[in-house]
């Protein structure tokens, strides 16, 4: 599994957290619902520091090559300031979770 972290500073972008939030609501969470190989996606923000980002967990590095952030990049007007990828060692889910991504990762795959 692959985790991708992307962060933008919106300070010089011409868009706001509120505008991006409306885009997510109106555009079906940025296309995540139809992305093959995507296990988890979260869009994150910090309005007090004008930051916006995404956290994605993909089944494999191959499926993780796909980007759900292209539309956000166009709206913001630049590439993410931070782009990091990590192998996922282990996942866990809290009480009441659906059981979709718990106990997965290299630690459980014998990696």
PDB file of N, CA and C in Angstrom:
ATOM      1  N   UNK A   1       0.845  -1.182   0.000  1.00  0.00           N
ATOM      2  CA  UNK A   1       0.000   0.000   0.000  1.00  0.00           C
ATOM      3  C   UNK A   1       0.886   1.239   0.000  1.00  0.00           C
ATOM      4  N   UNK A   2       0.331   2.293  -0.559  1.00  0.00           N
ATOM      5  CA  UNK A   2       1.044   3.553  -0.684  1.00  0.00           C
ATOM      6  C   UNK A   2       0.211   4.674  -0.080  1.00  0.00           C
ATOM      7  N   UNK A   3       0.846   5.514   0.737  1.00  0.00           N
ATOM      8  CA  UNK A   3       0.191   6.707   1.260  1.00  0.00           C
ATOM      9  C   UNK A   3       0.829   7.909   0.581  1.00  0.00           C
ATOM     10  N   UNK A   4      -0.001   8.794   0.075  1.00  0.00           N
ATOM     11  CA  UNK A   4       0.488  10.026  -0.541  1.00  0.00           C
ATOM     12  C   UNK A   4      -0.063  11.204   0.253  1.00  0.00           C
ATOM     13  N   UNK A   5       0.828  12.150   0.559  1.00  0.00           N
ATOM     14  CA  UNK A   5       0.487  13.369   1.283  1.00  0.00           C
ATOM     15  C   UNK A   5       0.816  14.561   0.392  1.00  0.00           C
ATOM     16  N   UNK A   6      -0.158  15.440   0.185  1.00  0.00           N
ATOM     17  CA  UNK A   6       0.046  16.651  -0.619  1.00  0.00           C
ATOM     18  C   UNK A   6      -0.445  17.845   0.186  1.00  0.00           C
ATOM     19  N   UNK A   7       0.347  18.917   0.198  1.00  0.00           N
ATOM     20  CA  UNK A   7      -0.033  20.128   0.918  1.00  0.00           C
ATOM     21  C   UNK A   7       0.251  21.352   0.066  1.00  0.00           C
ATOM     22  N   UNK A   8      -0.696  22.279   0.070  1.00  0.00           N
ATOM     23  CA  UNK A   8      -0.558  23.552  -0.623  1.00  0.00           C
ATOM     24  C   UNK A   8      -0.641  24.692   0.377  1.00  0.00           C
ATOM     25  N   UNK A   9       0.104  25.754   0.123  1.00  0.00           N
ATOM     26  CA  UNK A   9      -0.117  27.027   0.784  1.00  0.00           C
ATOM     27  C   UNK A   9      -1.005  27.835  -0.156  1.00  0.00           C
ATOM     28  N   UNK A  10      -2.116  28.318   0.354  1.00  0.00           N
ATOM     29  CA  UNK A  10      -3.053  29.085  -0.473  1.00  0.00           C
ATOM     30  C   UNK A  10      -2.788  30.585  -0.420  1.00  0.00           C
ATOM     31  N   UNK A  11      -1.798  31.002   0.346  1.00  0.00           N
ATOM     32  CA  UNK A  11      -1.564  32.428   0.577  1.00  0.00           C
ATOM     33  C   UNK A  11      -1.412  33.221  -0.714  1.00  0.00           C
ATOM     34  N   UNK A  12      -0.759  32.651  -1.699  1.00  0.00           N
ATOM     35  CA  UNK A  12      -0.536  33.374  -2.949  1.00  0.00           C
ATOM     36  C   UNK A  12      -1.258  32.731  -4.130  1.00  0.00           C
ATOM     37  N   UNK A  13      -2.343  32.023  -3.854  1.00  0.00           N
ATOM     38  CA  UNK A  13      -2.977  31.214  -4.890  1.00  0.00           C
ATOM     39  C   UNK A  13      -4.193  31.852  -5.554  1.00  0.00           C
ATOM     40  N   UNK A  14      -4.850  32.761  -4.913  1.00  0.00           N
ATOM     41  CA  UNK A  14      -6.060  33.340  -5.479  1.00  0.00           C
ATOM     42  C   UNK A  14      -7.315  32.531  -5.197  1.00  0.00           C
ATOM     43  N   UNK A  15      -7.207  31.466  -4.418  1.00  0.00           N
ATOM     44  CA  UNK A  15      -8.381  30.707  -4.006  1.00  0.00           C
ATOM     45  C   UNK A  15      -8.361  30.559  -2.495  1.00  0.00           C
ATOM     46  N   UNK A  16      -9.484  30.142  -1.943  1.00  0.00           N
ATOM     47  CA  UNK A  16      -9.602  30.048  -0.492  1.00  0.00           C
ATOM     48  C   UNK A  16     -10.031  28.642  -0.081  1.00  0.00           C
ATOM     49  N   UNK A  17      -9.864  28.354   1.192  1.00  0.00           N
ATOM     50  CA  UNK A  17     -10.339  27.087   1.729  1.00  0.00           C
ATOM     51  C   UNK A  17     -11.837  26.949   1.484  1.00  0.00           C
ATOM     52  N   UNK A  18     -12.590  28.007   1.660  1.00  0.00           N
ATOM     53  CA  UNK A  18     -14.042  27.964   1.440  1.00  0.00           C
ATOM     54  C   UNK A  18     -14.403  27.595   0.014  1.00  0.00           C
ATOM     55  N   UNK A  19     -13.694  28.154  -0.964  1.00  0.00           N
ATOM     56  CA  UNK A  19     -13.954  27.820  -2.364  1.00  0.00           C
ATOM     57  C   UNK A  19     -13.619  26.356  -2.655  1.00  0.00           C
ATOM     58  N   UNK A  20     -12.519  25.882  -2.107  1.00  0.00           N
ATOM     59  CA  UNK A  20     -12.141  24.480  -2.308  1.00  0.00           C
ATOM     60  C   UNK A  20     -13.119  23.534  -1.611  1.00  0.00           C
ATOM     61  N   UNK A  21     -13.614  23.949  -0.462  1.00  0.00           N
ATOM     62  CA  UNK A  21     -14.611  23.149   0.257  1.00  0.00           C
ATOM     63  C   UNK A  21     -15.889  23.022  -0.580  1.00  0.00           C
ATOM     64  N   UNK A  22     -16.331  24.113  -1.196  1.00  0.00           N
ATOM     65  CA  UNK A  22     -17.510  24.065  -2.062  1.00  0.00           C
ATOM     66  C   UNK A  22     -17.273  23.159  -3.264  1.00  0.00           C
ATOM     67  N   UNK A  23     -16.062  23.237  -3.843  1.00  0.00           N
ATOM     68  CA  UNK A  23     -15.719  22.357  -4.967  1.00  0.00           C
ATOM     69  C   UNK A  23     -15.852  20.889  -4.555  1.00  0.00           C
ATOM     70  N   UNK A  24     -15.338  20.527  -3.387  1.00  0.00           N
ATOM     71  CA  UNK A  24     -15.453  19.134  -2.934  1.00  0.00           C
ATOM     72  C   UNK A  24     -16.908  18.712  -2.789  1.00  0.00           C
ATOM     73  N   UNK A  25     -17.708  19.563  -2.190  1.00  0.00           N
ATOM     74  CA  UNK A  25     -19.118  19.243  -1.982  1.00  0.00           C
ATOM     75  C   UNK A  25     -19.842  19.104  -3.319  1.00  0.00           C
ATOM     76  N   UNK A  26     -19.580  20.004  -4.247  1.00  0.00           N
ATOM     77  CA  UNK A  26     -20.290  20.021  -5.525  1.00  0.00           C
ATOM     78  C   UNK A  26     -19.771  18.990  -6.523  1.00  0.00           C
ATOM     79  N   UNK A  27     -18.500  18.600  -6.396  1.00  0.00           N
ATOM     80  CA  UNK A  27     -17.864  17.718  -7.377  1.00  0.00           C
ATOM     81  C   UNK A  27     -17.718  16.284  -6.870  1.00  0.00           C
ATOM     82  N   UNK A  28     -18.463  15.890  -5.864  1.00  0.00           N
ATOM     83  CA  UNK A  28     -18.407  14.503  -5.397  1.00  0.00           C
ATOM     84  C   UNK A  28     -17.077  14.123  -4.791  1.00  0.00           C
ATOM     85  N   UNK A  29     -16.537  14.965  -3.934  1.00  0.00           N
ATOM     86  CA  UNK A  29     -15.294  14.716  -3.209  1.00  0.00           C
ATOM     87  C   UNK A  29     -14.115  14.541  -4.167  1.00  0.00           C
ATOM     88  N   UNK A  30     -14.107  15.329  -5.200  1.00  0.00           N
ATOM     89  CA  UNK A  30     -12.956  15.377  -6.079  1.00  0.00           C
ATOM     90  C   UNK A  30     -12.696  14.125  -6.881  1.00  0.00           C
ATOM     91  N   UNK A  31     -13.706  13.316  -7.148  1.00  0.00           N
ATOM     92  CA  UNK A  31     -13.540  12.124  -7.977  1.00  0.00           C
ATOM     93  C   UNK A  31     -13.092  10.876  -7.247  1.00  0.00           C
ATOM     94  N   UNK A  32     -12.958  10.944  -5.940  1.00  0.00           N
ATOM     95  CA  UNK A  32     -12.439   9.798  -5.180  1.00  0.00           C
ATOM     96  C   UNK A  32     -13.360   8.590  -5.224  1.00  0.00           C
ATOM     97  N   UNK A  33     -14.651   8.802  -5.301  1.00  0.00           N
ATOM     98  CA  UNK A  33     -15.587   7.691  -5.208  1.00  0.00           C
ATOM     99  C   UNK A  33     -15.470   6.705  -6.358  1.00  0.00           C
ATOM    100  N   UNK A  34     -14.917   7.130  -7.497  1.00  0.00           N
ATOM    101  CA  UNK A  34     -14.794   6.260  -8.661  1.00  0.00           C
ATOM    102  C   UNK A  34     -13.359   5.819  -8.938  1.00  0.00           C
ATOM    103  N   UNK A  35     -12.420   6.141  -8.057  1.00  0.00           N
ATOM    104  CA  UNK A  35     -11.005   5.857  -8.308  1.00  0.00           C
ATOM    105  C   UNK A  35     -10.680   4.396  -7.990  1.00  0.00           C
ATOM    106  N   UNK A  36     -10.311   3.650  -9.021  1.00  0.00           N
ATOM    107  CA  UNK A  36      -9.921   2.252  -8.841  1.00  0.00           C
ATOM    108  C   UNK A  36      -8.608   2.180  -8.062  1.00  0.00           C
ATOM    109  N   UNK A  37      -8.573   1.328  -7.037  1.00  0.00           N
ATOM    110  CA  UNK A  37      -7.365   1.139  -6.244  1.00  0.00           C
ATOM    111  C   UNK A  37      -7.235   2.074  -5.061  1.00  0.00           C
ATOM    112  N   UNK A  38      -8.123   3.048  -4.945  1.00  0.00           N
ATOM    113  CA  UNK A  38      -8.076   3.973  -3.820  1.00  0.00           C
ATOM    114  C   UNK A  38      -8.780   3.354  -2.622  1.00  0.00           C
ATOM    115  N   UNK A  39      -8.083   3.277  -1.494  1.00  0.00           N
ATOM    116  CA  UNK A  39      -8.673   2.733  -0.280  1.00  0.00           C
ATOM    117  C   UNK A  39      -9.209   3.823   0.638  1.00  0.00           C
ATOM    118  N   UNK A  40      -8.547   4.967   0.649  1.00  0.00           N
ATOM    119  CA  UNK A  40      -8.932   6.049   1.563  1.00  0.00           C
ATOM    120  C   UNK A  40      -8.452   7.369   0.987  1.00  0.00           C
ATOM    121  N   UNK A  41      -9.268   8.393   1.140  1.00  0.00           N
ATOM    122  CA  UNK A  41      -8.886   9.738   0.740  1.00  0.00           C
ATOM    123  C   UNK A  41      -9.461  10.719   1.744  1.00  0.00           C
ATOM    124  N   UNK A  42      -8.642  11.675   2.155  1.00  0.00           N
ATOM    125  CA  UNK A  42      -9.118  12.739   3.039  1.00  0.00           C
ATOM    126  C   UNK A  42      -8.545  14.053   2.547  1.00  0.00           C
ATOM    127  N   UNK A  43      -9.401  15.030   2.359  1.00  0.00           N
ATOM    128  CA  UNK A  43      -8.959  16.388   2.069  1.00  0.00           C
ATOM    129  C   UNK A  43      -8.888  17.103   3.399  1.00  0.00           C
ATOM    130  N   UNK A  44      -7.830  17.868   3.625  1.00  0.00           N
ATOM    131  CA  UNK A  44      -7.605  18.522   4.915  1.00  0.00           C
ATOM    132  C   UNK A  44      -7.335  20.004   4.699  1.00  0.00           C
ATOM    133  N   UNK A  45      -7.601  20.790   5.736  1.00  0.00           N
ATOM    134  CA  UNK A  45      -7.349  22.227   5.632  1.00  0.00           C
ATOM    135  C   UNK A  45      -7.013  22.801   6.999  1.00  0.00           C
ATOM    136  N   UNK A  46      -6.390  23.967   6.954  1.00  0.00           N
ATOM    137  CA  UNK A  46      -6.155  24.782   8.148  1.00  0.00           C
ATOM    138  C   UNK A  46      -6.367  26.227   7.708  1.00  0.00           C
ATOM    139  N   UNK A  47      -7.569  26.735   7.942  1.00  0.00           N
ATOM    140  CA  UNK A  47      -7.900  28.087   7.485  1.00  0.00           C
ATOM    141  C   UNK A  47      -7.030  29.149   8.139  1.00  0.00           C
ATOM    142  N   UNK A  48      -6.604  28.918   9.386  1.00  0.00           N
ATOM    143  CA  UNK A  48      -5.805  29.935  10.076  1.00  0.00           C
ATOM    144  C   UNK A  48      -4.432  30.119   9.441  1.00  0.00           C
ATOM    145  N   UNK A  49      -3.915  29.100   8.747  1.00  0.00           N
ATOM    146  CA  UNK A  49      -2.612  29.215   8.077  1.00  0.00           C
ATOM    147  C   UNK A  49      -2.739  29.159   6.559  1.00  0.00           C
ATOM    148  N   UNK A  50      -3.975  29.166   6.060  1.00  0.00           N
ATOM    149  CA  UNK A  50      -4.220  29.146   4.609  1.00  0.00           C
ATOM    150  C   UNK A  50      -3.593  27.925   3.943  1.00  0.00           C
ATOM    151  N   UNK A  51      -3.780  26.755   4.541  1.00  0.00           N
ATOM    152  CA  UNK A  51      -3.232  25.533   3.954  1.00  0.00           C
ATOM    153  C   UNK A  51      -4.344  24.567   3.575  1.00  0.00           C
ATOM    154  N   UNK A  52      -4.076  23.790   2.535  1.00  0.00           N
ATOM    155  CA  UNK A  52      -5.015  22.822   1.976  1.00  0.00           C
ATOM    156  C   UNK A  52      -4.215  21.587   1.610  1.00  0.00           C
ATOM    157  N   UNK A  53      -4.822  20.409   1.742  1.00  0.00           N
ATOM    158  CA  UNK A  53      -4.069  19.220   1.374  1.00  0.00           C
ATOM    159  C   UNK A  53      -4.936  18.002   1.170  1.00  0.00           C
ATOM    160  N   UNK A  54      -4.254  16.921   0.828  1.00  0.00           N
ATOM    161  CA  UNK A  54      -4.918  15.634   0.613  1.00  0.00           C
ATOM    162  C   UNK A  54      -4.043  14.529   1.163  1.00  0.00           C
ATOM    163  N   UNK A  55      -4.700  13.513   1.705  1.00  0.00           N
ATOM    164  CA  UNK A  55      -4.058  12.286   2.155  1.00  0.00           C
ATOM    165  C   UNK A  55      -4.767  11.155   1.433  1.00  0.00           C
ATOM    166  N   UNK A  56      -3.992  10.319   0.740  1.00  0.00           N
ATOM    167  CA  UNK A  56      -4.572   9.208  -0.025  1.00  0.00           C
ATOM    168  C   UNK A  56      -3.868   7.919   0.356  1.00  0.00           C
ATOM    169  N   UNK A  57      -4.636   6.847   0.453  1.00  0.00           N
ATOM    170  CA  UNK A  57      -4.052   5.514   0.614  1.00  0.00           C
ATOM    171  C   UNK A  57      -4.515   4.663  -0.555  1.00  0.00           C
ATOM    172  N   UNK A  58      -3.531   4.119  -1.279  1.00  0.00           N
ATOM    173  CA  UNK A  58      -3.764   3.327  -2.486  1.00  0.00           C
ATOM    174  C   UNK A  58      -3.385   1.873  -2.239  1.00  0.00           C
ATOM    175  N   UNK A  59      -4.054   0.950  -2.934  1.00  0.00           N
ATOM    176  CA  UNK A  59      -3.766  -0.478  -2.790  1.00  0.00           C
ATOM    177  C   UNK A  59      -2.322  -0.805  -3.117  1.00  0.00           C
ATOM    178  N   UNK A  60      -1.793  -0.208  -4.179  1.00  0.00           N
ATOM    179  CA  UNK A  60      -0.427  -0.494  -4.620  1.00  0.00           C
ATOM    180  C   UNK A  60       0.230   0.793  -5.094  1.00  0.00           C
ATOM    181  N   UNK A  61       1.553   0.740  -5.239  1.00  0.00           N
ATOM    182  CA  UNK A  61       2.269   1.890  -5.793  1.00  0.00           C
ATOM    183  C   UNK A  61       1.815   2.155  -7.219  1.00  0.00           C
ATOM    184  N   UNK A  62       1.484   1.101  -7.945  1.00  0.00           N
ATOM    185  CA  UNK A  62       1.031   1.249  -9.333  1.00  0.00           C
ATOM    186  C   UNK A  62      -0.290   2.016  -9.403  1.00  0.00           C
ATOM    187  N   UNK A  63      -1.285   1.611  -8.590  1.00  0.00           N
ATOM    188  CA  UNK A  63      -2.556   2.348  -8.609  1.00  0.00           C
ATOM    189  C   UNK A  63      -2.378   3.741  -8.030  1.00  0.00           C
ATOM    190  N   UNK A  64      -1.394   3.916  -7.144  1.00  0.00           N
ATOM    191  CA  UNK A  64      -1.132   5.211  -6.534  1.00  0.00           C
ATOM    192  C   UNK A  64      -0.522   6.230  -7.471  1.00  0.00           C
ATOM    193  N   UNK A  65      -0.144   5.808  -8.669  1.00  0.00           N
ATOM    194  CA  UNK A  65       0.373   6.764  -9.655  1.00  0.00           C
ATOM    195  C   UNK A  65      -0.729   7.692 -10.157  1.00  0.00           C
ATOM    196  N   UNK A  66      -1.951   7.248 -10.012  1.00  0.00           N
ATOM    197  CA  UNK A  66      -3.090   8.070 -10.413  1.00  0.00           C
ATOM    198  C   UNK A  66      -3.246   9.213  -9.419  1.00  0.00           C
ATOM    199  N   UNK A  67      -3.625  10.359  -9.893  1.00  0.00           N
ATOM    200  CA  UNK A  67      -3.762  11.514  -9.016  1.00  0.00           C
ATOM    201  C   UNK A  67      -5.209  11.972  -8.947  1.00  0.00           C
ATOM    202  N   UNK A  68      -5.692  12.164  -7.746  1.00  0.00           N
ATOM    203  CA  UNK A  68      -7.025  12.744  -7.548  1.00  0.00           C
ATOM    204  C   UNK A  68      -6.940  14.249  -7.370  1.00  0.00           C
ATOM    205  N   UNK A  69      -5.739  14.783  -7.423  1.00  0.00           N
ATOM    206  CA  UNK A  69      -5.558  16.183  -7.056  1.00  0.00           C
ATOM    207  C   UNK A  69      -5.404  17.130  -8.242  1.00  0.00           C
ATOM    208  N   UNK A  70      -5.524  16.639  -9.462  1.00  0.00           N
ATOM    209  CA  UNK A  70      -5.323  17.488 -10.636  1.00  0.00           C
ATOM    210  C   UNK A  70      -6.309  18.661 -10.671  1.00  0.00           C
ATOM    211  N   UNK A  71      -7.571  18.409 -10.379  1.00  0.00           N
ATOM    212  CA  UNK A  71      -8.553  19.499 -10.386  1.00  0.00           C
ATOM    213  C   UNK A  71      -8.245  20.515  -9.287  1.00  0.00           C
ATOM    214  N   UNK A  72      -7.844  20.030  -8.111  1.00  0.00           N
ATOM    215  CA  UNK A  72      -7.466  20.969  -7.045  1.00  0.00           C
ATOM    216  C   UNK A  72      -6.268  21.803  -7.483  1.00  0.00           C
ATOM    217  N   UNK A  73      -5.287  21.166  -8.132  1.00  0.00           N
ATOM    218  CA  UNK A  73      -4.120  21.890  -8.624  1.00  0.00           C
ATOM    219  C   UNK A  73      -4.530  23.000  -9.594  1.00  0.00           C
ATOM    220  N   UNK A  74      -5.471  22.700 -10.477  1.00  0.00           N
ATOM    221  CA  UNK A  74      -5.947  23.724 -11.412  1.00  0.00           C
ATOM    222  C   UNK A  74      -6.649  24.870 -10.680  1.00  0.00           C
ATOM    223  N   UNK A  75      -7.471  24.531  -9.705  1.00  0.00           N
ATOM    224  CA  UNK A  75      -8.184  25.574  -8.960  1.00  0.00           C
ATOM    225  C   UNK A  75      -7.219  26.439  -8.148  1.00  0.00           C
ATOM    226  N   UNK A  76      -6.208  25.814  -7.568  1.00  0.00           N
ATOM    227  CA  UNK A  76      -5.236  26.544  -6.749  1.00  0.00           C
ATOM    228  C   UNK A  76      -4.247  27.300  -7.633  1.00  0.00           C
ATOM    229  N   UNK A  77      -3.957  26.764  -8.811  1.00  0.00           N
ATOM    230  CA  UNK A  77      -3.092  27.446  -9.753  1.00  0.00           C
ATOM    231  C   UNK A  77      -1.625  27.081  -9.662  1.00  0.00           C
ATOM    232  N   UNK A  78      -1.316  26.016  -8.927  1.00  0.00           N
ATOM    233  CA  UNK A  78       0.077  25.588  -8.827  1.00  0.00           C
ATOM    234  C   UNK A  78       0.134  24.164  -8.292  1.00  0.00           C
ATOM    235  N   UNK A  79       1.305  23.543  -8.463  1.00  0.00           N
ATOM    236  CA  UNK A  79       1.523  22.216  -7.893  1.00  0.00           C
ATOM    237  C   UNK A  79       1.572  22.312  -6.377  1.00  0.00           C
ATOM    238  N   UNK A  80       1.345  21.200  -5.718  1.00  0.00           N
ATOM    239  CA  UNK A  80       1.434  21.163  -4.254  1.00  0.00           C
ATOM    240  C   UNK A  80       2.837  21.550  -3.809  1.00  0.00           C
ATOM    241  N   UNK A  81       2.916  22.249  -2.695  1.00  0.00           N
ATOM    242  CA  UNK A  81       4.209  22.652  -2.135  1.00  0.00           C
ATOM    243  C   UNK A  81       4.938  21.468  -1.521  1.00  0.00           C
ATOM    244  N   UNK A  82       4.183  20.519  -0.999  1.00  0.00           N
ATOM    245  CA  UNK A  82       4.744  19.308  -0.401  1.00  0.00           C
ATOM    246  C   UNK A  82       4.060  18.113  -1.042  1.00  0.00           C
ATOM    247  N   UNK A  83       4.856  17.190  -1.567  1.00  0.00           N
ATOM    248  CA  UNK A  83       4.343  15.923  -2.104  1.00  0.00           C
ATOM    249  C   UNK A  83       5.244  14.833  -1.552  1.00  0.00           C
ATOM    250  N   UNK A  84       4.688  13.962  -0.744  1.00  0.00           N
ATOM    251  CA  UNK A  84       5.451  12.875  -0.132  1.00  0.00           C
ATOM    252  C   UNK A  84       4.696  11.568  -0.328  1.00  0.00           C
ATOM    253  N   UNK A  85       5.435  10.496  -0.548  1.00  0.00           N
ATOM    254  CA  UNK A  85       4.851   9.159  -0.653  1.00  0.00           C
ATOM    255  C   UNK A  85       5.534   8.245   0.352  1.00  0.00           C
ATOM    256  N   UNK A  86       4.749   7.355   0.943  1.00  0.00           N
ATOM    257  CA  UNK A  86       5.254   6.440   1.952  1.00  0.00           C
ATOM    258  C   UNK A  86       4.678   5.053   1.739  1.00  0.00           C
ATOM    259  N   UNK A  87       5.458   4.020   2.032  1.00  0.00           N
ATOM    260  CA  UNK A  87       4.901   2.678   2.139  1.00  0.00           C
ATOM    261  C   UNK A  87       4.084   2.635   3.417  1.00  0.00           C
ATOM    262  N   UNK A  88       2.958   1.949   3.382  1.00  0.00           N
ATOM    263  CA  UNK A  88       2.116   1.822   4.569  1.00  0.00           C
ATOM    264  C   UNK A  88       2.524   0.554   5.307  1.00  0.00           C
ATOM    265  N   UNK A  89       2.959   0.707   6.527  1.00  0.00           N
ATOM    266  CA  UNK A  89       3.387  -0.430   7.346  1.00  0.00           C
ATOM    267  C   UNK A  89       2.211  -1.146   7.985  1.00  0.00           C
ATOM    268  N   UNK A  90       1.238  -0.400   8.482  1.00  0.00           N
ATOM    269  CA  UNK A  90       0.086  -1.025   9.139  1.00  0.00           C
ATOM    270  C   UNK A  90      -1.052  -0.024   9.226  1.00  0.00           C
ATOM    271  N   UNK A  91      -2.269  -0.535   9.155  1.00  0.00           N
ATOM    272  CA  UNK A  91      -3.448   0.298   9.347  1.00  0.00           C
ATOM    273  C   UNK A  91      -4.284  -0.287  10.478  1.00  0.00           C
ATOM    274  N   UNK A  92      -5.067   0.555  11.095  1.00  0.00           N
ATOM    275  CA  UNK A  92      -5.992   0.131  12.140  1.00  0.00           C
ATOM    276  C   UNK A  92      -7.234   0.986  12.009  1.00  0.00           C
ATOM    277  N   UNK A  93      -8.348   0.454  12.438  1.00  0.00           N
ATOM    278  CA  UNK A  93      -9.600   1.207  12.409  1.00  0.00           C
ATOM    279  C   UNK A  93     -10.160   1.304  13.809  1.00  0.00           C
ATOM    280  N   UNK A  94     -10.801   2.407  14.071  1.00  0.00           N
ATOM    281  CA  UNK A  94     -11.401   2.625  15.374  1.00  0.00           C
ATOM    282  C   UNK A  94     -12.757   1.952  15.515  1.00  0.00           C
ATOM    283  N   UNK A  95     -13.317   2.066  16.697  1.00  0.00           N
ATOM    284  CA  UNK A  95     -14.623   1.493  17.015  1.00  0.00           C
ATOM    285  C   UNK A  95     -15.681   2.016  16.047  1.00  0.00           C
ATOM    286  N   UNK A  96     -16.485   1.118  15.505  1.00  0.00           N
ATOM    287  CA  UNK A  96     -17.563   1.499  14.599  1.00  0.00           C
ATOM    288  C   UNK A  96     -17.140   1.616  13.149  1.00  0.00           C
ATOM    289  N   UNK A  97     -15.868   1.354  12.850  1.00  0.00           N
ATOM    290  CA  UNK A  97     -15.399   1.441  11.456  1.00  0.00           C
ATOM    291  C   UNK A  97     -15.946   0.271  10.652  1.00  0.00           C
ATOM    292  N   UNK A  98     -15.884   0.396   9.341  1.00  0.00           N
ATOM    293  CA  UNK A  98     -16.503  -0.592   8.455  1.00  0.00           C
ATOM    294  C   UNK A  98     -15.644  -1.815   8.177  1.00  0.00           C
ATOM    295  N   UNK A  99     -14.379  -1.813   8.566  1.00  0.00           N
ATOM    296  CA  UNK A  99     -13.528  -2.963   8.316  1.00  0.00           C
ATOM    297  C   UNK A  99     -12.914  -2.978   6.932  1.00  0.00           C
ATOM    298  N   UNK A 100     -12.954  -1.859   6.226  1.00  0.00           N
ATOM    299  CA  UNK A 100     -12.442  -1.799   4.867  1.00  0.00           C
ATOM    300  C   UNK A 100     -10.917  -1.770   4.792  1.00  0.00           C
ATOM    301  N   UNK A 101     -10.247  -1.037   5.688  1.00  0.00           N
ATOM    302  CA  UNK A 101      -8.796  -0.926   5.546  1.00  0.00           C
ATOM    303  C   UNK A 101      -8.018  -1.307   6.803  1.00  0.00           C
ATOM    304  N   UNK A 102      -8.660  -1.861   7.781  1.00  0.00           N
ATOM    305  CA  UNK A 102      -7.965  -2.254   9.006  1.00  0.00           C
ATOM    306  C   UNK A 102      -7.044  -3.454   8.808  1.00  0.00           C
ATOM    307  N   UNK A 103      -5.956  -3.482   9.567  1.00  0.00           N
ATOM    308  CA  UNK A 103      -4.979  -4.579   9.576  1.00  0.00           C
ATOM    309  C   UNK A 103      -4.442  -4.901   8.190  1.00  0.00           C
ATOM    310  N   UNK A 104      -4.029  -3.848   7.488  1.00  0.00           N
ATOM    311  CA  UNK A 104      -3.394  -3.996   6.182  1.00  0.00           C
ATOM    312  C   UNK A 104      -2.055  -3.284   6.208  1.00  0.00           C
ATOM    313  N   UNK A 105      -1.200  -3.564   5.247  1.00  0.00           N
ATOM    314  CA  UNK A 105       0.093  -2.914   5.145  1.00  0.00           C
ATOM    315  C   UNK A 105       1.222  -3.924   5.173  1.00  0.00           C
ATOM    316  N   UNK A 106       2.452  -3.418   5.028  1.00  0.00           N
ATOM    317  CA  UNK A 106       3.623  -4.287   4.950  1.00  0.00           C
ATOM    318  C   UNK A 106       3.778  -5.189   6.166  1.00  0.00           C
ATOM    319  N   UNK A 107       3.431  -4.676   7.348  1.00  0.00           N
ATOM    320  CA  UNK A 107       3.571  -5.485   8.561  1.00  0.00           C
ATOM    321  C   UNK A 107       2.690  -6.723   8.517  1.00  0.00           C
ATOM    322  N   UNK A 108       1.574  -6.647   7.828  1.00  0.00           N
ATOM    323  CA  UNK A 108       0.652  -7.776   7.743  1.00  0.00           C
ATOM    324  C   UNK A 108       0.823  -8.588   6.474  1.00  0.00           C
ATOM    325  N   UNK A 109       1.550  -8.049   5.495  1.00  0.00           N
ATOM    326  CA  UNK A 109       1.770  -8.736   4.229  1.00  0.00           C
ATOM    327  C   UNK A 109       3.053  -9.545   4.221  1.00  0.00           C
ATOM    328  N   UNK A 110       3.764  -9.546   5.353  1.00  0.00           N
ATOM    329  CA  UNK A 110       5.018 -10.270   5.408  1.00  0.00           C
ATOM    330  C   UNK A 110       6.175  -9.492   4.804  1.00  0.00           C
ATOM    331  N   UNK A 111       5.987  -8.174   4.595  1.00  0.00           N
ATOM    332  CA  UNK A 111       7.010  -7.340   3.969  1.00  0.00           C
ATOM    333  C   UNK A 111       8.147  -6.988   4.876  1.00  0.00           C
TER     334      UNK A 111
END
